[in-house]
Amino acid sequence: MSKKALVKYVEDTFVEKREFPSFKAGDTITVHYKIKEGDKERIQQFQGVVLQRNGENTTETFTVRKVSGSTGVERIFPISSPFIDKIELNKRGVVRRARIFYLRELKGKKARIKEKRV
């Protein structure tokens, strides 16, 4: 059995598949993330713009950026993380590329993304 086949077998049997709404770079989402503090557990919401999606299947990750105060905060989430409670899609954005890192240099009104009309 090859390494690829072995990895695929482990992914198929042990990693649970969960359904999230489809989203891409430019969309505004809210990630409900479980945080354990001692023996207590709570859910923290992280709302921001998706900068990129990276990887495939169980190794896929996505980067979310928000501006807190005047500081930009980016967080990378694995899509198959058991700590993600749910993902809400707030707005669909119109961007022309898959990785929108140019957003890091922009601030204020220039950092806005057009909303997709339905």
N, C-alpha and C. Protein backbone atom coordinates (compact mmCIF):
# COMPACT_ATOMS: atom_id res chain seq x y z
N MET A 1 0.85 -1.19 0.00
CA MET A 1 0.00 0.00 0.00
C MET A 1 0.89 1.25 0.00
N SER A 2 0.62 2.17 -0.91
CA SER A 2 1.45 3.37 -1.01
C SER A 2 1.10 4.37 0.10
N LYS A 3 1.98 5.35 0.29
CA LYS A 3 1.74 6.36 1.33
C LYS A 3 0.47 7.14 1.06
N LYS A 4 0.25 7.50 -0.21
CA LYS A 4 -0.95 8.27 -0.56
C LYS A 4 -2.21 7.49 -0.22
N ALA A 5 -2.21 6.21 -0.56
CA ALA A 5 -3.37 5.38 -0.30
C ALA A 5 -3.60 5.23 1.21
N LEU A 6 -2.50 5.12 1.95
CA LEU A 6 -2.59 5.00 3.40
C LEU A 6 -3.17 6.27 4.03
N VAL A 7 -2.68 7.42 3.58
CA VAL A 7 -3.19 8.70 4.10
C VAL A 7 -4.67 8.85 3.76
N LYS A 8 -5.05 8.48 2.53
CA LYS A 8 -6.45 8.58 2.12
C LYS A 8 -7.33 7.67 2.96
N TYR A 9 -6.85 6.47 3.27
CA TYR A 9 -7.61 5.54 4.09
C TYR A 9 -7.84 6.12 5.49
N VAL A 10 -6.80 6.69 6.09
CA VAL A 10 -6.91 7.28 7.43
C VAL A 10 -7.88 8.46 7.41
N GLU A 11 -7.76 9.30 6.38
CA GLU A 11 -8.66 10.45 6.28
C GLU A 11 -10.11 10.01 6.14
N ASP A 12 -10.35 9.00 5.33
CA ASP A 12 -11.72 8.54 5.10
C ASP A 12 -12.34 7.89 6.33
N THR A 13 -11.53 7.18 7.12
CA THR A 13 -12.09 6.45 8.25
C THR A 13 -12.15 7.24 9.54
N PHE A 14 -11.18 8.11 9.79
CA PHE A 14 -11.09 8.76 11.10
C PHE A 14 -11.53 10.22 11.14
N VAL A 15 -11.42 10.93 10.02
CA VAL A 15 -11.78 12.35 10.03
C VAL A 15 -13.25 12.47 9.65
N GLU A 16 -14.02 13.12 10.54
CA GLU A 16 -15.46 13.24 10.26
C GLU A 16 -15.72 14.34 9.25
N LYS A 17 -16.65 14.06 8.34
CA LYS A 17 -17.00 15.03 7.30
C LYS A 17 -18.13 15.90 7.85
N ARG A 18 -17.99 17.23 7.70
CA ARG A 18 -19.03 18.15 8.16
C ARG A 18 -19.39 19.07 7.01
N GLU A 19 -20.62 19.49 6.99
CA GLU A 19 -21.10 20.37 5.92
C GLU A 19 -21.08 21.82 6.38
N PHE A 20 -20.40 22.66 5.63
CA PHE A 20 -20.36 24.10 5.87
C PHE A 20 -20.86 24.78 4.61
N PRO A 21 -21.36 26.01 4.72
CA PRO A 21 -21.76 26.71 3.49
C PRO A 21 -20.55 26.97 2.61
N SER A 22 -20.77 26.99 1.31
CA SER A 22 -19.64 27.23 0.41
C SER A 22 -19.28 28.71 0.46
N PHE A 23 -18.00 28.99 0.64
CA PHE A 23 -17.52 30.36 0.68
C PHE A 23 -16.17 30.42 0.00
N LYS A 24 -15.80 31.65 -0.42
CA LYS A 24 -14.53 31.82 -1.12
C LYS A 24 -13.90 33.13 -0.66
N ALA A 25 -12.77 33.48 -1.24
CA ALA A 25 -12.09 34.72 -0.87
C ALA A 25 -13.00 35.91 -1.17
N GLY A 26 -13.02 36.87 -0.25
CA GLY A 26 -13.86 38.05 -0.41
C GLY A 26 -15.16 37.99 0.35
N ASP A 27 -15.57 36.79 0.75
CA ASP A 27 -16.82 36.64 1.50
C ASP A 27 -16.58 37.00 2.96
N THR A 28 -17.62 37.54 3.61
CA THR A 28 -17.55 37.84 5.03
C THR A 28 -18.26 36.71 5.77
N ILE A 29 -17.55 36.07 6.70
CA ILE A 29 -18.12 34.94 7.43
C ILE A 29 -17.93 35.13 8.93
N THR A 30 -18.73 34.39 9.69
CA THR A 30 -18.56 34.32 11.14
C THR A 30 -18.24 32.88 11.49
N VAL A 31 -17.11 32.67 12.14
CA VAL A 31 -16.70 31.33 12.56
C VAL A 31 -16.99 31.20 14.06
N HIS A 32 -17.82 30.25 14.44
CA HIS A 32 -18.12 29.97 15.85
C HIS A 32 -17.11 28.90 16.30
N TYR A 33 -16.19 29.30 17.18
CA TYR A 33 -15.05 28.47 17.54
C TYR A 33 -15.11 28.12 19.02
N LYS A 34 -15.00 26.82 19.35
CA LYS A 34 -15.04 26.37 20.75
C LYS A 34 -13.69 26.61 21.40
N ILE A 35 -13.73 27.22 22.59
CA ILE A 35 -12.50 27.47 23.34
C ILE A 35 -12.62 26.81 24.70
N LYS A 36 -11.60 26.03 25.09
CA LYS A 36 -11.58 25.39 26.40
C LYS A 36 -10.68 26.18 27.32
N GLU A 37 -11.23 26.59 28.45
CA GLU A 37 -10.44 27.28 29.47
C GLU A 37 -10.59 26.49 30.76
N GLY A 38 -9.56 25.75 31.10
CA GLY A 38 -9.65 24.88 32.28
C GLY A 38 -10.65 23.77 31.98
N ASP A 39 -11.69 23.67 32.83
CA ASP A 39 -12.71 22.65 32.60
C ASP A 39 -13.96 23.25 31.97
N LYS A 40 -13.93 24.58 31.69
CA LYS A 40 -15.08 25.23 31.07
C LYS A 40 -14.88 25.33 29.56
N GLU A 41 -15.99 25.37 28.84
CA GLU A 41 -15.94 25.48 27.40
C GLU A 41 -16.91 26.56 26.95
N ARG A 42 -16.47 27.43 26.04
CA ARG A 42 -17.37 28.46 25.53
C ARG A 42 -17.14 28.60 24.03
N ILE A 43 -18.07 29.30 23.38
CA ILE A 43 -17.97 29.49 21.94
C ILE A 43 -17.66 30.95 21.66
N GLN A 44 -16.59 31.19 20.91
CA GLN A 44 -16.18 32.54 20.55
C GLN A 44 -16.44 32.74 19.06
N GLN A 45 -16.96 33.93 18.72
CA GLN A 45 -17.24 34.23 17.32
C GLN A 45 -16.11 35.08 16.74
N PHE A 46 -15.68 34.72 15.55
CA PHE A 46 -14.64 35.46 14.84
C PHE A 46 -15.21 35.83 13.49
N GLN A 47 -15.52 37.12 13.30
CA GLN A 47 -16.14 37.56 12.05
C GLN A 47 -15.15 38.38 11.24
N GLY A 48 -15.03 38.05 9.96
CA GLY A 48 -14.12 38.79 9.11
C GLY A 48 -14.21 38.36 7.66
N VAL A 49 -13.30 38.87 6.86
CA VAL A 49 -13.26 38.61 5.43
C VAL A 49 -12.33 37.43 5.17
N VAL A 50 -12.74 36.52 4.31
CA VAL A 50 -11.91 35.38 3.94
C VAL A 50 -10.85 35.88 2.97
N LEU A 51 -9.56 35.70 3.34
CA LEU A 51 -8.47 36.12 2.45
C LEU A 51 -8.11 35.03 1.45
N GLN A 52 -8.17 33.77 1.91
CA GLN A 52 -7.79 32.68 1.03
C GLN A 52 -8.33 31.36 1.55
N ARG A 53 -8.41 30.39 0.67
CA ARG A 53 -8.61 29.00 1.04
C ARG A 53 -7.42 28.25 0.49
N ASN A 54 -6.91 27.30 1.26
CA ASN A 54 -5.67 26.63 0.88
C ASN A 54 -5.79 25.14 1.17
N GLY A 55 -5.25 24.30 0.29
CA GLY A 55 -5.27 22.86 0.52
C GLY A 55 -6.52 22.23 -0.05
N GLU A 56 -6.71 20.96 0.27
CA GLU A 56 -7.88 20.24 -0.24
C GLU A 56 -8.29 19.16 0.75
N ASN A 57 -9.57 18.79 0.67
CA ASN A 57 -10.17 17.75 1.51
C ASN A 57 -9.96 18.03 3.00
N THR A 58 -9.33 17.12 3.72
CA THR A 58 -9.21 17.27 5.18
C THR A 58 -8.08 18.20 5.58
N THR A 59 -7.14 18.44 4.68
CA THR A 59 -6.02 19.32 5.03
C THR A 59 -6.30 20.77 4.64
N GLU A 60 -7.52 21.08 4.24
CA GLU A 60 -7.83 22.43 3.79
C GLU A 60 -7.89 23.41 4.95
N THR A 61 -7.38 24.62 4.71
CA THR A 61 -7.44 25.69 5.70
C THR A 61 -8.00 26.95 5.03
N PHE A 62 -8.49 27.87 5.85
CA PHE A 62 -8.91 29.16 5.32
C PHE A 62 -8.47 30.24 6.28
N THR A 63 -8.14 31.42 5.74
CA THR A 63 -7.64 32.54 6.52
C THR A 63 -8.72 33.61 6.59
N VAL A 64 -9.02 34.08 7.80
CA VAL A 64 -10.03 35.11 8.00
C VAL A 64 -9.34 36.31 8.62
N ARG A 65 -9.66 37.51 8.13
CA ARG A 65 -9.06 38.75 8.62
C ARG A 65 -10.15 39.69 9.11
N LYS A 66 -9.92 40.27 10.28
CA LYS A 66 -10.81 41.31 10.78
C LYS A 66 -9.95 42.43 11.34
N VAL A 67 -10.55 43.61 11.46
CA VAL A 67 -9.84 44.74 12.05
C VAL A 67 -10.45 44.99 13.41
N SER A 68 -9.65 44.83 14.44
CA SER A 68 -10.09 45.01 15.82
C SER A 68 -9.44 46.29 16.34
N GLY A 69 -10.26 47.30 16.58
CA GLY A 69 -9.71 48.62 16.92
C GLY A 69 -9.06 49.18 15.68
N SER A 70 -7.77 49.36 15.70
CA SER A 70 -7.07 49.77 14.48
C SER A 70 -6.02 48.73 14.08
N THR A 71 -6.11 47.55 14.70
CA THR A 71 -5.15 46.49 14.44
C THR A 71 -5.80 45.40 13.61
N GLY A 72 -5.14 44.98 12.56
CA GLY A 72 -5.64 43.87 11.76
C GLY A 72 -5.29 42.55 12.41
N VAL A 73 -6.28 41.65 12.49
CA VAL A 73 -6.08 40.34 13.11
C VAL A 73 -6.44 39.29 12.08
N GLU A 74 -5.51 38.36 11.84
CA GLU A 74 -5.77 37.26 10.92
C GLU A 74 -5.68 35.96 11.67
N ARG A 75 -6.56 35.04 11.29
CA ARG A 75 -6.57 33.74 11.94
C ARG A 75 -6.74 32.67 10.89
N ILE A 76 -5.98 31.60 11.00
CA ILE A 76 -6.05 30.49 10.06
C ILE A 76 -6.79 29.35 10.72
N PHE A 77 -7.84 28.87 10.08
CA PHE A 77 -8.65 27.78 10.61
C PHE A 77 -8.52 26.56 9.71
N PRO A 78 -8.27 25.37 10.28
CA PRO A 78 -8.39 24.14 9.48
C PRO A 78 -9.87 23.82 9.30
N ILE A 79 -10.27 23.48 8.10
CA ILE A 79 -11.70 23.25 7.82
C ILE A 79 -12.22 22.01 8.54
N SER A 80 -11.33 21.06 8.84
CA SER A 80 -11.78 19.83 9.49
C SER A 80 -11.57 19.86 11.00
N SER A 81 -11.36 21.06 11.57
CA SER A 81 -11.12 21.18 13.01
C SER A 81 -12.37 20.82 13.81
N PRO A 82 -12.23 20.00 14.83
CA PRO A 82 -13.39 19.66 15.66
C PRO A 82 -13.83 20.83 16.54
N PHE A 83 -13.01 21.89 16.63
CA PHE A 83 -13.35 23.04 17.46
C PHE A 83 -14.25 24.04 16.74
N ILE A 84 -14.40 23.90 15.42
CA ILE A 84 -15.32 24.78 14.69
C ILE A 84 -16.73 24.27 14.92
N ASP A 85 -17.55 25.10 15.57
CA ASP A 85 -18.94 24.72 15.84
C ASP A 85 -19.78 24.90 14.59
N LYS A 86 -19.72 26.11 14.02
CA LYS A 86 -20.42 26.35 12.76
C LYS A 86 -19.81 27.56 12.07
N ILE A 87 -20.13 27.68 10.79
CA ILE A 87 -19.67 28.81 9.98
C ILE A 87 -20.90 29.44 9.36
N GLU A 88 -21.05 30.76 9.58
CA GLU A 88 -22.16 31.49 8.97
C GLU A 88 -21.63 32.37 7.86
N LEU A 89 -22.32 32.38 6.74
CA LEU A 89 -21.97 33.26 5.63
C LEU A 89 -22.77 34.54 5.77
N ASN A 90 -22.09 35.68 6.00
CA ASN A 90 -22.78 36.95 6.20
C ASN A 90 -22.98 37.70 4.88
N LYS A 91 -21.91 37.82 4.09
CA LYS A 91 -21.98 38.56 2.83
C LYS A 91 -21.14 37.87 1.77
N ARG A 92 -21.61 37.89 0.55
CA ARG A 92 -20.81 37.42 -0.57
C ARG A 92 -20.08 38.62 -1.17
N GLY A 93 -18.78 38.51 -1.33
CA GLY A 93 -18.01 39.62 -1.86
C GLY A 93 -17.64 39.39 -3.31
N VAL A 94 -17.39 40.49 -4.02
CA VAL A 94 -16.96 40.41 -5.41
C VAL A 94 -15.47 40.76 -5.47
N VAL A 95 -14.63 39.76 -5.70
CA VAL A 95 -13.20 39.97 -5.89
C VAL A 95 -12.77 39.17 -7.11
N ARG A 96 -11.65 39.58 -7.71
CA ARG A 96 -11.23 38.95 -8.96
C ARG A 96 -10.10 37.97 -8.80
N ARG A 97 -9.71 37.70 -7.56
CA ARG A 97 -8.63 36.76 -7.36
C ARG A 97 -8.91 35.85 -6.17
N ALA A 98 -8.13 34.77 -6.06
CA ALA A 98 -8.36 33.76 -5.03
C ALA A 98 -7.69 34.10 -3.71
N ARG A 99 -6.66 34.93 -3.75
CA ARG A 99 -5.95 35.32 -2.52
C ARG A 99 -5.87 36.83 -2.49
N ILE A 100 -6.56 37.43 -1.53
CA ILE A 100 -6.68 38.89 -1.53
C ILE A 100 -5.82 39.51 -0.43
N PHE A 101 -4.52 39.24 -0.50
CA PHE A 101 -3.59 39.76 0.50
C PHE A 101 -3.38 41.26 0.37
N TYR A 102 -3.78 41.85 -0.78
CA TYR A 102 -3.65 43.29 -0.94
C TYR A 102 -4.51 44.04 0.07
N LEU A 103 -5.46 43.36 0.68
CA LEU A 103 -6.34 43.97 1.68
C LEU A 103 -5.55 44.37 2.93
N ARG A 104 -4.41 43.74 3.16
CA ARG A 104 -3.60 44.03 4.34
C ARG A 104 -3.08 45.47 4.33
N GLU A 105 -2.76 45.99 3.17
CA GLU A 105 -2.22 47.34 3.07
C GLU A 105 -3.30 48.42 3.08
N LEU A 106 -4.55 48.04 2.80
CA LEU A 106 -5.62 49.02 2.71
C LEU A 106 -6.27 49.22 4.06
N LYS A 107 -6.81 50.45 4.28
CA LYS A 107 -7.55 50.67 5.52
C LYS A 107 -8.68 51.65 5.27
N GLY A 108 -9.65 51.65 6.15
CA GLY A 108 -10.79 52.54 6.01
C GLY A 108 -11.70 52.14 4.87
N LYS A 109 -12.18 53.15 4.13
CA LYS A 109 -13.14 52.88 3.05
C LYS A 109 -12.51 52.12 1.90
N LYS A 110 -11.20 52.25 1.73
CA LYS A 110 -10.53 51.54 0.64
C LYS A 110 -10.53 50.02 0.86
N ALA A 111 -10.66 49.61 2.10
CA ALA A 111 -10.61 48.19 2.42
C ALA A 111 -11.97 47.51 2.27
N ARG A 112 -12.97 48.26 1.81
CA ARG A 112 -14.28 47.65 1.62
C ARG A 112 -14.31 46.79 0.37
N ILE A 113 -15.14 45.75 0.41
CA ILE A 113 -15.31 44.85 -0.73
C ILE A 113 -16.74 44.98 -1.20
N LYS A 114 -16.93 45.08 -2.51
CA LYS A 114 -18.28 45.19 -3.05
C LYS A 114 -19.07 43.92 -2.73
N GLU A 115 -20.35 44.11 -2.45
CA GLU A 115 -21.19 42.96 -2.15
C GLU A 115 -21.81 42.43 -3.44
N LYS A 116 -21.90 41.11 -3.53
CA LYS A 116 -22.47 40.49 -4.71
C LYS A 116 -23.98 40.66 -4.69
N ARG A 117 -24.53 41.13 -5.78
CA ARG A 117 -25.98 41.28 -5.87
C ARG A 117 -26.60 39.97 -6.29
N VAL A 118 -27.76 39.68 -5.71
CA VAL A 118 -28.43 38.40 -6.02
C VAL A 118 -29.43 38.56 -7.13
